[in-house]
């Protein structure tokens, strides 16, 4: 016997809100993952299973810029989990490269065995913004 889903609404939002699991100096446009408590923290290695990218308005929105992007433990963090978002490159990234979260939530070109966050739609150099098509999967080992 089948299930009846009439009237059921599906949340098709590209973003979710999660609590920060640690103090984060600047969460904006950074790759995040779940910690053991189910809260979000920045990725620390390219093998971390990133869930998405914190959006540009995530964290404190301080007009002076001194604390913009800061998130304290327990604060809400807005995270883009699908579609196209922006991330900050930790090194040179070519257009079309698979990318992974790495130290401080920055992204880098993926290597064998890395957890891929998505595909770079634009090229970038260290510190620049890279447009990323979010499409998570584990890259095959060598």
Protein backbone atom coordinates (compact mmCIF):
# COMPACT_ATOMS: atom_id res chain seq x y z
CA UNK A 1 0.00 0.00 0.00
CA UNK A 2 1.41 3.40 -0.98
CA UNK A 3 1.74 6.50 1.17
CA UNK A 4 -0.37 9.59 0.63
CA UNK A 5 1.72 12.78 0.48
CA UNK A 6 -1.12 15.12 -0.50
CA UNK A 7 -0.65 18.45 1.23
CA UNK A 8 2.93 17.67 2.25
CA UNK A 9 5.24 20.59 1.63
CA UNK A 10 8.89 20.07 0.79
CA UNK A 11 11.44 22.65 1.89
CA UNK A 12 13.37 23.36 -1.28
CA UNK A 13 15.48 26.13 0.22
CA UNK A 14 19.12 26.41 -0.80
CA UNK A 15 20.06 27.48 2.73
CA UNK A 16 19.79 26.16 6.27
CA UNK A 17 20.51 27.68 9.67
CA UNK A 18 22.68 25.84 12.19
CA UNK A 19 24.35 26.80 15.47
CA UNK A 20 28.07 27.53 15.64
CA UNK A 21 29.90 24.84 17.61
CA UNK A 22 32.84 27.13 18.42
CA UNK A 23 33.80 30.79 18.24
CA UNK A 24 34.62 31.67 14.62
CA UNK A 25 36.49 34.90 13.83
CA UNK A 26 34.99 35.19 10.32
CA UNK A 27 32.57 32.59 8.97
CA UNK A 28 31.60 34.40 5.75
CA UNK A 29 32.10 32.41 2.52
CA UNK A 30 33.84 29.60 4.40
CA UNK A 31 33.29 25.85 4.14
CA UNK A 32 31.61 24.38 7.22
CA UNK A 33 31.07 20.88 8.59
CA UNK A 34 29.19 19.34 11.50
CA UNK A 35 31.05 18.71 14.74
CA UNK A 36 30.32 15.72 17.00
CA UNK A 37 27.48 17.65 18.68
CA UNK A 38 25.75 18.44 15.37
CA UNK A 39 26.80 22.10 15.36
CA UNK A 40 28.83 23.74 12.60
CA UNK A 41 32.52 24.58 12.61
CA UNK A 42 34.95 25.51 9.86
CA UNK A 43 36.52 22.69 7.91
CA UNK A 44 40.08 21.95 8.99
CA UNK A 45 41.21 19.49 6.33
CA UNK A 46 40.30 18.56 2.76
CA UNK A 47 39.00 15.19 3.99
CA UNK A 48 36.35 16.86 6.17
CA UNK A 49 32.78 16.32 4.95
CA UNK A 50 31.76 19.92 4.28
CA UNK A 51 27.99 20.48 4.28
CA UNK A 52 28.13 23.82 2.47
CA UNK A 53 29.31 27.42 2.52
CA UNK A 54 28.42 30.08 5.07
CA UNK A 55 26.77 32.93 3.16
CA UNK A 56 28.28 36.43 2.90
CA UNK A 57 25.81 37.77 5.51
CA UNK A 58 26.57 35.01 8.06
CA UNK A 59 27.83 36.01 11.48
CA UNK A 60 27.73 39.51 12.94
CA UNK A 61 26.95 42.30 10.52
CA UNK A 62 29.08 45.14 11.88
CA UNK A 63 29.05 48.32 9.78
CA UNK A 64 32.56 49.21 11.04
CA UNK A 65 33.88 45.89 9.74
CA UNK A 66 35.74 45.13 12.98
CA UNK A 67 33.65 42.08 13.87
CA UNK A 68 31.85 41.41 10.60
CA UNK A 69 31.39 37.69 10.04
CA UNK A 70 32.18 36.75 13.64
CA UNK A 71 30.09 33.93 15.09
CA UNK A 72 30.18 33.02 18.78
CA UNK A 73 29.46 29.51 20.03
CA UNK A 74 25.69 28.98 19.81
CA UNK A 75 25.08 31.77 17.28
CA UNK A 76 23.04 31.01 14.17
CA UNK A 77 25.05 30.50 10.97
CA UNK A 78 23.32 30.71 7.56
CA UNK A 79 24.70 28.02 5.25
CA UNK A 80 24.18 27.49 1.53
CA UNK A 81 23.91 23.74 0.92
CA UNK A 82 23.12 23.60 -2.79
CA UNK A 83 23.25 25.59 -6.03
CA UNK A 84 26.00 28.19 -6.65
CA UNK A 85 27.83 30.00 -3.85
CA UNK A 86 31.08 31.82 -3.20
CA UNK A 87 34.09 30.60 -1.23
CA UNK A 88 37.54 31.98 -0.48
CA UNK A 89 40.51 30.26 -2.13
CA UNK A 90 43.47 29.08 -0.04
CA UNK A 91 45.63 28.77 -3.18
CA UNK A 92 45.32 28.96 -6.97
CA UNK A 93 42.18 27.21 -8.26
CA UNK A 94 41.44 26.64 -11.93
CA UNK A 95 37.98 26.96 -13.44
CA UNK A 96 36.37 23.51 -13.55
CA UNK A 97 38.47 22.08 -10.70
CA UNK A 98 36.91 19.99 -7.97
CA UNK A 99 37.31 21.89 -4.67
CA UNK A 100 37.42 20.87 -1.03
CA UNK A 101 37.22 22.73 2.26
CA UNK A 102 40.54 23.03 4.05
CA UNK A 103 42.10 24.85 7.02
CA UNK A 104 40.03 27.78 8.32
CA UNK A 105 37.17 26.89 5.96
CA UNK A 106 39.02 28.07 2.86
CA UNK A 107 38.86 25.96 -0.33
CA UNK A 108 41.54 24.30 -2.45
CA UNK A 109 41.69 22.09 -5.52
CA UNK A 110 40.77 18.55 -4.48
CA UNK A 111 43.22 15.65 -4.49
CA UNK A 112 42.62 11.89 -4.44
CA UNK A 113 40.69 10.87 -1.31
CA UNK A 114 39.45 14.40 -0.51
CA UNK A 115 35.81 15.21 0.23
CA UNK A 116 34.70 17.35 -2.71
CA UNK A 117 32.48 20.32 -1.86
CA UNK A 118 31.84 21.24 -5.49
CA UNK A 119 33.18 22.43 -8.83
CA UNK A 120 34.85 25.82 -9.35
CA UNK A 121 32.90 27.85 -11.91
CA UNK A 122 35.51 30.61 -11.85
CA UNK A 123 39.27 30.59 -11.37
CA UNK A 124 40.88 32.19 -8.36
CA UNK A 125 44.10 32.84 -6.50
CA UNK A 126 44.88 32.85 -2.78
CA UNK A 127 42.38 35.05 -0.92
CA UNK A 128 40.07 35.60 -3.89
CA UNK A 129 36.41 34.60 -4.18
CA UNK A 130 35.64 31.55 -6.29
CA UNK A 131 32.16 30.74 -7.55
CA UNK A 132 31.36 27.12 -6.60
CA UNK A 133 28.65 24.77 -7.83
CA UNK A 134 27.94 22.86 -4.61
CA UNK A 135 27.91 19.13 -5.36
CA UNK A 136 29.30 17.07 -2.47
CA UNK A 137 30.96 13.65 -2.88
CA UNK A 138 34.06 11.69 -1.90
CA UNK A 139 36.81 11.78 -4.53
CA UNK A 140 38.21 8.35 -5.38
CA UNK A 141 41.58 7.41 -3.92
CA UNK A 142 44.54 7.14 -6.28
